């Protein structure tokens, strides 16, 4: 997949989330996680974690935030999200 197509798919995922269609975005985020060519490996994990957090699936959210930190140690949005879940 060329970079233009990847960017279009990324915009589509973000658009679904912005529309409040998180359930529709989940399969797209999981595809991004599984894609060997996706460069910013932490992003889909954080976006998926935020969806899980919003849905009250705190354990799933913490797991995804943890996976984001595994991909990019110290990634501030993932660390903050994980801390917020643990405090909440």
N, C-alpha and C. Protein backbone atom coordinates (compact mmCIF):
# COMPACT_ATOMS: atom_id res chain seq x y z
N UNK A 1 0.86 -1.17 0.00
CA UNK A 1 0.00 0.00 0.00
C UNK A 1 0.91 1.23 0.00
N UNK A 2 0.67 2.16 -0.92
CA UNK A 2 1.50 3.35 -0.96
C UNK A 2 1.12 4.34 0.15
N UNK A 3 1.96 5.33 0.35
CA UNK A 3 1.76 6.25 1.48
C UNK A 3 0.46 7.05 1.35
N UNK A 4 0.05 7.37 0.13
CA UNK A 4 -1.20 8.12 -0.06
C UNK A 4 -2.40 7.30 0.42
N UNK A 5 -2.42 6.03 0.09
CA UNK A 5 -3.51 5.16 0.51
C UNK A 5 -3.48 4.99 2.03
N UNK A 6 -2.30 4.80 2.61
CA UNK A 6 -2.18 4.66 4.07
C UNK A 6 -2.71 5.90 4.78
N UNK A 7 -2.38 7.08 4.25
CA UNK A 7 -2.87 8.32 4.85
C UNK A 7 -4.38 8.42 4.75
N UNK A 8 -4.94 7.99 3.66
CA UNK A 8 -6.40 8.01 3.49
C UNK A 8 -7.07 7.09 4.49
N UNK A 9 -6.52 5.92 4.70
CA UNK A 9 -7.08 4.97 5.66
C UNK A 9 -6.97 5.55 7.07
N UNK A 10 -5.85 6.19 7.39
CA UNK A 10 -5.68 6.82 8.71
C UNK A 10 -6.73 7.90 8.92
N UNK A 11 -6.95 8.73 7.92
CA UNK A 11 -7.97 9.78 8.03
C UNK A 11 -9.36 9.18 8.22
N UNK A 12 -9.63 8.08 7.55
CA UNK A 12 -10.93 7.41 7.68
C UNK A 12 -11.15 6.93 9.11
N UNK A 13 -10.12 6.33 9.73
CA UNK A 13 -10.24 5.88 11.12
C UNK A 13 -10.51 7.06 12.04
N UNK A 14 -9.76 8.12 11.87
CA UNK A 14 -9.94 9.31 12.72
C UNK A 14 -11.32 9.92 12.52
N UNK A 15 -11.78 9.94 11.28
CA UNK A 15 -13.09 10.50 10.96
C UNK A 15 -14.19 9.71 11.66
N UNK A 16 -14.09 8.38 11.65
CA UNK A 16 -15.09 7.55 12.33
C UNK A 16 -15.12 7.86 13.82
N UNK A 17 -13.96 8.01 14.41
CA UNK A 17 -13.88 8.31 15.85
C UNK A 17 -14.51 9.68 16.12
N UNK A 18 -14.17 10.67 15.29
CA UNK A 18 -14.73 12.01 15.47
C UNK A 18 -16.24 12.03 15.33
N UNK A 19 -16.78 11.16 14.50
CA UNK A 19 -18.23 11.09 14.31
C UNK A 19 -18.93 10.35 15.46
N UNK A 20 -18.14 9.81 16.37
CA UNK A 20 -18.73 9.04 17.46
C UNK A 20 -19.05 7.61 17.05
N UNK A 21 -18.48 7.17 15.95
CA UNK A 21 -18.71 5.81 15.45
C UNK A 21 -17.53 4.92 15.83
N UNK A 22 -17.25 4.89 17.13
CA UNK A 22 -16.11 4.14 17.63
C UNK A 22 -16.17 2.66 17.27
N UNK A 23 -17.35 2.07 17.36
CA UNK A 23 -17.48 0.64 17.04
C UNK A 23 -17.09 0.36 15.59
N UNK A 24 -17.36 1.31 14.70
CA UNK A 24 -16.96 1.15 13.30
C UNK A 24 -15.45 1.33 13.12
N UNK A 25 -14.83 2.11 14.00
CA UNK A 25 -13.40 2.36 13.89
C UNK A 25 -12.56 1.20 14.42
N UNK A 26 -13.11 0.41 15.34
CA UNK A 26 -12.33 -0.66 15.98
C UNK A 26 -11.72 -1.62 14.97
N UNK A 27 -12.46 -2.16 14.00
CA UNK A 27 -11.82 -3.07 13.05
C UNK A 27 -10.70 -2.42 12.25
N UNK A 28 -10.86 -1.15 11.92
CA UNK A 28 -9.82 -0.43 11.18
C UNK A 28 -8.57 -0.26 12.03
N UNK A 29 -8.75 0.02 13.31
CA UNK A 29 -7.60 0.16 14.21
C UNK A 29 -6.89 -1.18 14.38
N UNK A 30 -7.65 -2.25 14.49
CA UNK A 30 -7.04 -3.58 14.62
C UNK A 30 -6.27 -3.95 13.36
N UNK A 31 -6.77 -3.54 12.20
CA UNK A 31 -6.03 -3.79 10.95
C UNK A 31 -4.71 -3.01 10.97
N UNK A 32 -4.75 -1.78 11.45
CA UNK A 32 -3.52 -0.98 11.53
C UNK A 32 -2.52 -1.64 12.46
N UNK A 33 -3.00 -2.17 13.59
CA UNK A 33 -2.11 -2.84 14.54
C UNK A 33 -1.45 -4.04 13.88
N UNK A 34 -2.21 -4.78 13.09
CA UNK A 34 -1.70 -6.00 12.45
C UNK A 34 -0.87 -5.72 11.19
N UNK A 35 -0.94 -4.50 10.68
CA UNK A 35 -0.23 -4.18 9.44
C UNK A 35 1.27 -4.04 9.68
N UNK A 36 2.07 -4.83 8.96
CA UNK A 36 3.52 -4.72 9.15
C UNK A 36 4.11 -3.42 8.60
N UNK A 37 3.36 -2.72 7.77
CA UNK A 37 3.89 -1.50 7.14
C UNK A 37 3.46 -0.22 7.85
N UNK A 38 2.68 -0.33 8.90
CA UNK A 38 2.22 0.86 9.62
C UNK A 38 3.38 1.40 10.43
N UNK A 39 3.76 2.64 10.20
CA UNK A 39 4.99 3.19 10.77
C UNK A 39 4.85 3.64 12.22
N UNK A 40 3.81 4.34 12.55
CA UNK A 40 3.63 4.86 13.92
C UNK A 40 2.88 3.81 14.73
N UNK A 41 3.57 2.77 15.14
CA UNK A 41 2.97 1.58 15.73
C UNK A 41 2.17 1.87 17.00
N UNK A 42 2.49 2.94 17.70
CA UNK A 42 1.82 3.25 18.96
C UNK A 42 0.43 3.88 18.76
N UNK A 43 0.22 4.58 17.65
CA UNK A 43 -1.02 5.33 17.45
C UNK A 43 -2.29 4.49 17.48
N UNK A 44 -2.37 3.40 16.72
CA UNK A 44 -3.63 2.65 16.76
C UNK A 44 -3.92 2.06 18.14
N UNK A 45 -2.86 1.73 18.89
CA UNK A 45 -3.08 1.20 20.24
C UNK A 45 -3.69 2.27 21.15
N UNK A 46 -3.18 3.49 21.06
CA UNK A 46 -3.71 4.58 21.90
C UNK A 46 -5.15 4.91 21.49
N UNK A 47 -5.41 4.97 20.20
CA UNK A 47 -6.78 5.27 19.76
C UNK A 47 -7.75 4.17 20.19
N UNK A 48 -7.32 2.93 20.08
CA UNK A 48 -8.16 1.82 20.52
C UNK A 48 -8.36 1.88 22.04
N UNK A 49 -7.31 2.20 22.77
CA UNK A 49 -7.42 2.33 24.23
C UNK A 49 -8.42 3.41 24.61
N UNK A 50 -8.38 4.54 23.91
CA UNK A 50 -9.32 5.62 24.21
C UNK A 50 -10.76 5.20 23.96
N UNK A 51 -10.98 4.41 22.92
CA UNK A 51 -12.32 3.90 22.66
C UNK A 51 -12.75 2.97 23.79
N UNK A 52 -11.87 2.04 24.16
CA UNK A 52 -12.20 1.12 25.25
C UNK A 52 -12.47 1.87 26.55
N UNK A 53 -11.67 2.88 26.81
CA UNK A 53 -11.85 3.68 28.03
C UNK A 53 -13.23 4.36 28.01
N UNK A 54 -13.60 4.93 26.88
CA UNK A 54 -14.89 5.60 26.74
C UNK A 54 -16.04 4.62 26.94
N UNK A 55 -15.84 3.37 26.52
CA UNK A 55 -16.88 2.35 26.65
C UNK A 55 -16.89 1.70 28.04
N UNK A 56 -15.97 2.11 28.92
CA UNK A 56 -15.91 1.55 30.26
C UNK A 56 -15.14 0.24 30.35
N UNK A 57 -14.44 -0.14 29.28
CA UNK A 57 -13.64 -1.35 29.26
C UNK A 57 -12.21 -1.02 29.70
N UNK A 58 -12.09 -0.74 30.99
CA UNK A 58 -10.84 -0.21 31.53
C UNK A 58 -9.68 -1.19 31.38
N UNK A 59 -9.90 -2.46 31.64
CA UNK A 59 -8.81 -3.43 31.52
C UNK A 59 -8.30 -3.51 30.07
N UNK A 60 -9.20 -3.48 29.12
CA UNK A 60 -8.80 -3.48 27.71
C UNK A 60 -8.03 -2.20 27.37
N UNK A 61 -8.49 -1.08 27.91
CA UNK A 61 -7.82 0.19 27.67
C UNK A 61 -6.40 0.17 28.22
N UNK A 62 -6.24 -0.30 29.45
CA UNK A 62 -4.90 -0.37 30.06
C UNK A 62 -3.99 -1.27 29.23
N UNK A 63 -4.53 -2.38 28.76
CA UNK A 63 -3.73 -3.30 27.93
C UNK A 63 -3.25 -2.61 26.65
N UNK A 64 -4.14 -1.87 26.01
CA UNK A 64 -3.75 -1.18 24.76
C UNK A 64 -2.77 -0.05 25.03
N UNK A 65 -2.98 0.70 26.12
CA UNK A 65 -1.99 1.73 26.46
C UNK A 65 -0.63 1.08 26.71
N UNK A 66 -0.63 -0.06 27.37
CA UNK A 66 0.62 -0.77 27.62
C UNK A 66 1.29 -1.21 26.33
N UNK A 67 0.51 -1.67 25.37
CA UNK A 67 1.07 -2.07 24.08
C UNK A 67 1.67 -0.87 23.35
N UNK A 68 1.03 0.29 23.49
CA UNK A 68 1.58 1.50 22.87
C UNK A 68 2.93 1.85 23.47
N UNK A 69 3.04 1.73 24.79
CA UNK A 69 4.31 2.01 25.46
C UNK A 69 5.36 0.98 25.07
N UNK A 70 4.95 -0.26 24.85
CA UNK A 70 5.89 -1.28 24.36
C UNK A 70 6.46 -0.88 23.00
N UNK A 71 5.62 -0.29 22.16
CA UNK A 71 6.05 0.12 20.81
C UNK A 71 6.93 1.37 20.86
N UNK A 72 6.60 2.30 21.77
CA UNK A 72 7.37 3.53 21.90
C UNK A 72 7.48 3.87 23.39
N UNK A 73 8.52 3.37 24.04
CA UNK A 73 8.67 3.60 25.49
C UNK A 73 8.59 5.08 25.86
N UNK A 74 7.82 5.34 26.91
CA UNK A 74 7.68 6.70 27.41
C UNK A 74 6.69 7.55 26.63
N UNK A 75 5.96 6.98 25.67
CA UNK A 75 5.02 7.74 24.86
C UNK A 75 3.99 8.39 25.78
N UNK A 76 4.05 9.71 25.89
CA UNK A 76 3.29 10.46 26.89
C UNK A 76 1.77 10.22 26.86
N UNK A 77 1.11 10.24 25.70
CA UNK A 77 -0.34 9.99 25.71
C UNK A 77 -0.70 8.61 26.26
N UNK A 78 0.13 7.62 25.97
CA UNK A 78 -0.14 6.27 26.47
C UNK A 78 0.10 6.17 27.97
N UNK A 79 1.18 6.77 28.42
CA UNK A 79 1.49 6.75 29.86
C UNK A 79 0.40 7.48 30.63
N UNK A 80 -0.01 8.66 30.15
CA UNK A 80 -1.05 9.44 30.82
C UNK A 80 -2.39 8.70 30.80
N UNK A 81 -2.73 8.09 29.69
CA UNK A 81 -3.98 7.33 29.62
C UNK A 81 -3.99 6.16 30.56
N UNK A 82 -2.88 5.45 30.63
CA UNK A 82 -2.79 4.31 31.53
C UNK A 82 -2.89 4.76 32.98
N UNK A 83 -2.20 5.85 33.31
CA UNK A 83 -2.28 6.38 34.69
C UNK A 83 -3.69 6.80 35.03
N UNK A 84 -4.37 7.45 34.09
CA UNK A 84 -5.75 7.89 34.34
C UNK A 84 -6.68 6.70 34.58
N UNK A 85 -6.48 5.64 33.83
CA UNK A 85 -7.31 4.43 34.02
C UNK A 85 -7.08 3.82 35.41
N UNK A 86 -5.85 3.80 35.82
CA UNK A 86 -5.51 3.20 37.13
C UNK A 86 -6.03 4.05 38.28
N UNK A 87 -6.06 5.38 38.08
CA UNK A 87 -6.55 6.28 39.13
C UNK A 87 -8.07 6.29 39.19
N UNK A 88 -8.70 6.09 38.04
CA UNK A 88 -10.14 6.20 37.93
C UNK A 88 -10.87 5.11 38.59
